[in-house]
Protein backbone atom coordinates (compact mmCIF):
# COMPACT_ATOMS: atom_id res chain seq x y z
CA MET A 1 15.57 -39.07 -39.06
CA GLU A 2 11.62 -39.12 -38.88
CA THR A 3 9.47 -37.65 -35.84
CA VAL A 4 6.84 -39.24 -35.16
CA LYS A 5 3.62 -37.03 -33.85
CA GLN A 6 1.78 -38.75 -31.08
CA ASP A 7 -2.10 -38.48 -31.38
CA SER A 8 -3.58 -37.15 -28.47
CA ASN A 9 -6.35 -39.88 -28.64
CA SER A 10 -3.39 -42.45 -28.92
CA PRO A 11 -3.11 -44.92 -25.87
CA VAL A 12 0.43 -43.13 -24.71
CA GLY A 13 -1.53 -39.80 -24.82
CA LEU A 14 -4.29 -40.74 -23.16
CA ASN A 15 -1.81 -42.26 -20.52
CA GLU A 16 -0.04 -38.69 -20.15
CA ASN A 17 -3.28 -36.68 -19.91
CA ASN A 18 -4.91 -39.35 -17.21
CA GLU A 19 -1.72 -38.93 -15.25
CA ILE A 20 -1.88 -34.79 -15.91
CA LEU A 21 -5.35 -35.17 -14.63
CA GLU A 22 -4.77 -37.62 -11.65
CA ASN A 23 -1.73 -34.98 -10.34
CA HIS A 24 -4.38 -32.22 -10.19
CA GLU A 25 -7.08 -33.92 -8.72
CA ILE A 26 -4.23 -35.14 -6.03
CA ASN A 27 -3.23 -31.36 -5.93
CA GLU A 28 -6.86 -30.31 -5.59
CA ASN A 29 -7.53 -32.77 -2.85
CA LYS A 30 -4.74 -31.73 -0.54
CA PHE A 31 -5.74 -27.66 -1.13
CA ASN A 32 -9.25 -28.39 0.02
CA GLU A 33 -7.61 -30.52 2.97
CA GLU A 34 -5.67 -27.44 4.02
CA ILE A 35 -8.83 -25.13 3.63
CA LYS A 36 -10.55 -27.79 5.72
CA GLU A 37 -7.69 -27.56 8.47
CA LEU A 38 -7.94 -23.47 8.69
CA HIS A 39 -9.66 -22.21 11.85
CA ARG A 40 -13.13 -20.51 11.34
CA HIS A 41 -11.37 -16.91 11.95
CA ASP A 42 -8.98 -17.94 9.21
CA ARG A 43 -11.70 -18.41 7.07
CA LYS A 44 -13.44 -15.29 7.90
CA MET A 45 -10.50 -13.10 7.26
CA ILE A 46 -9.68 -14.43 3.75
CA LYS A 47 -13.54 -14.25 2.88
CA GLY A 48 -13.14 -10.62 4.21
CA PHE A 49 -10.27 -9.91 1.87
CA MET A 50 -11.87 -10.74 -0.73
CA LYS A 51 -15.07 -8.93 -0.35
CA GLY A 52 -12.40 -5.74 0.46
CA PHE A 53 -10.66 -6.07 -3.05
CA GLY A 54 -13.82 -7.28 -4.44
CA THR A 55 -14.55 -4.02 -6.18
CA LEU A 56 -11.06 -3.18 -7.82
CA ILE A 57 -10.97 -6.57 -9.07
CA ILE A 58 -14.48 -6.50 -10.77
CA LEU A 59 -13.19 -3.47 -12.60
CA TRP A 60 -9.92 -4.85 -13.43
CA LEU A 61 -11.63 -8.11 -14.72
CA ILE A 62 -14.27 -6.05 -16.78
CA SER A 63 -11.32 -4.24 -18.10
CA LYS A 64 -9.59 -7.26 -19.56
CA LYS A 65 -13.09 -8.36 -21.40
CA ARG A 66 -16.72 -7.43 -21.88
CA GLN A 67 -18.34 -10.17 -19.78
CA HIS A 68 -22.13 -10.48 -17.96
CA GLY A 69 -22.41 -10.90 -14.34
CA TYR A 70 -22.29 -14.80 -13.85
CA GLU A 71 -18.81 -14.68 -15.73
CA ILE A 72 -17.45 -12.50 -13.18
CA MET A 73 -19.09 -15.15 -10.46
CA THR A 74 -17.26 -17.84 -11.86
CA GLN A 75 -13.86 -16.21 -12.31
CA LEU A 76 -13.75 -14.97 -8.45
CA HIS A 77 -15.03 -18.35 -7.86
CA GLU A 78 -12.53 -20.42 -9.74
CA ALA A 79 -9.75 -18.01 -8.07
CA SER A 80 -11.29 -18.05 -4.84
CA PRO A 81 -9.26 -20.48 -2.00
CA PHE A 82 -12.37 -21.83 -1.19
CA SER A 83 -13.21 -22.42 -4.92
CA ASN A 84 -14.69 -25.90 -3.31
CA LYS A 85 -17.31 -24.21 -1.39
CA LYS A 86 -20.54 -22.29 -3.20
CA MET A 87 -20.29 -19.70 -5.48
CA PRO A 88 -20.00 -16.01 -4.96
CA SER A 89 -23.71 -14.88 -4.53
CA ALA A 90 -25.50 -12.50 -6.89
CA SER A 91 -26.07 -10.63 -3.86
CA MET A 92 -22.73 -9.75 -3.67
CA ILE A 93 -21.44 -9.35 -7.36
CA TYR A 94 -24.62 -7.22 -8.58
CA PRO A 95 -24.73 -4.34 -6.11
CA VAL A 96 -20.75 -3.84 -7.36
CA LEU A 97 -21.52 -3.64 -10.64
CA HIS A 98 -24.76 -1.51 -10.31
CA SER A 99 -22.35 0.77 -7.92
CA LEU A 100 -19.30 0.84 -10.64
CA GLU A 101 -22.27 1.30 -13.22
CA LYS A 102 -23.60 4.16 -11.59
CA LYS A 103 -20.46 5.89 -11.27
CA GLY A 104 -19.58 5.54 -14.48
CA LEU A 105 -16.45 3.23 -14.45
CA ILE A 106 -18.48 0.58 -15.92
CA LYS A 107 -21.84 0.48 -18.86
CA GLY A 108 -24.20 -2.37 -18.98
CA THR A 109 -25.99 -3.48 -21.86
CA TRP A 110 -29.13 -5.98 -22.23
CA GLU A 111 -28.54 -8.62 -25.11
CA HIS A 112 -31.19 -11.12 -25.78
CA HIS A 113 -29.85 -14.81 -25.74
CA GLY A 114 -32.51 -17.02 -26.74
CA LYS A 115 -35.62 -16.22 -24.32
CA ARG A 116 -33.02 -14.56 -21.90
CA LYS A 117 -32.21 -11.15 -21.33
CA VAL A 118 -28.68 -10.69 -20.33
CA LYS A 119 -26.66 -7.64 -18.99
CA TYR A 120 -22.64 -7.64 -20.39
CA TYR A 121 -20.64 -5.35 -19.00
CA GLU A 122 -17.66 -3.14 -20.46
CA ILE A 123 -15.53 -0.80 -19.01
CA THR A 124 -16.06 2.93 -19.64
CA ARG A 125 -13.34 5.25 -20.33
CA GLU A 126 -13.81 7.13 -16.89
CA GLY A 127 -13.03 3.13 -15.34
CA GLU A 128 -10.12 2.75 -17.59
CA GLU A 129 -8.75 6.11 -16.03
CA SER A 130 -9.72 5.36 -12.90
CA LEU A 131 -7.47 2.15 -12.83
CA ASP A 132 -5.28 4.08 -14.63
CA ARG A 133 -4.91 6.44 -11.74
CA ILE A 134 -4.56 3.38 -9.39
CA ARG A 135 -1.79 2.13 -11.44
CA LYS A 136 0.22 5.53 -10.99
CA VAL A 137 -0.18 6.13 -7.43
CA ALA A 138 0.99 2.39 -7.08
CA ALA A 139 4.10 3.17 -9.19
CA LYS A 140 4.88 6.75 -7.73
CA ASP A 141 5.28 4.90 -4.06
CA LYS A 142 7.77 2.22 -5.64
CA GLU A 143 9.27 5.30 -7.37
CA LEU A 144 9.88 7.27 -4.33
CA GLY A 145 11.06 4.52 -2.53
CA ARG A 146 8.06 4.34 -0.04
CA SER A 147 7.19 1.49 1.98
CA ASN A 148 4.63 0.13 -0.14
CA ILE A 149 2.57 -2.13 2.78
CA HIS A 150 0.17 -3.63 0.30
CA LYS A 151 2.90 -4.89 -2.12
CA GLU A 152 4.58 -6.11 0.36
CA PHE A 153 1.54 -7.91 2.14
CA MET A 154 0.32 -9.72 -1.36
CA GLU A 155 4.14 -10.52 -2.29
CA ASP A 156 4.15 -12.61 1.27
CA MET A 157 0.81 -13.81 1.26
CA PHE A 158 0.28 -14.73 -2.19
CA SER A 159 3.94 -15.49 -3.22
CA LEU A 160 3.56 -12.88 -5.80
CA LYS A 161 7.48 -11.46 -6.52
């Protein structure tokens, strides 16, 4: 029996892609409506939570790949429950990057892209060691059976089990 491979440009493939896009749009619209229903103080708490973990998240993102500040802002924006709102500002991201660089946890390198200069950040050995220490403390708490309120919080609030 011969199987026929569907071309993504065929009418059937296009219909399938359109359906996926429509479902994504419906889910995104529902999510945006839920965000609008939050009270102002709820939104402030979520934003405060994001800021509090900002330094660690930024260091972790840079540990995954070498990238520039705008890339980091885009990733944080896309991961935020407020991604339908404006992007995280440079005034929020760059002070964190400068602080991490000053502490020797990341290293920035300027590169030319056409007429523009772009600063790329990569994690240093010290930055990797810092993340490793944080991971070890979290693992040790788990090993010792200590109540890990942060883990419980993340699992409960973000369904991370």
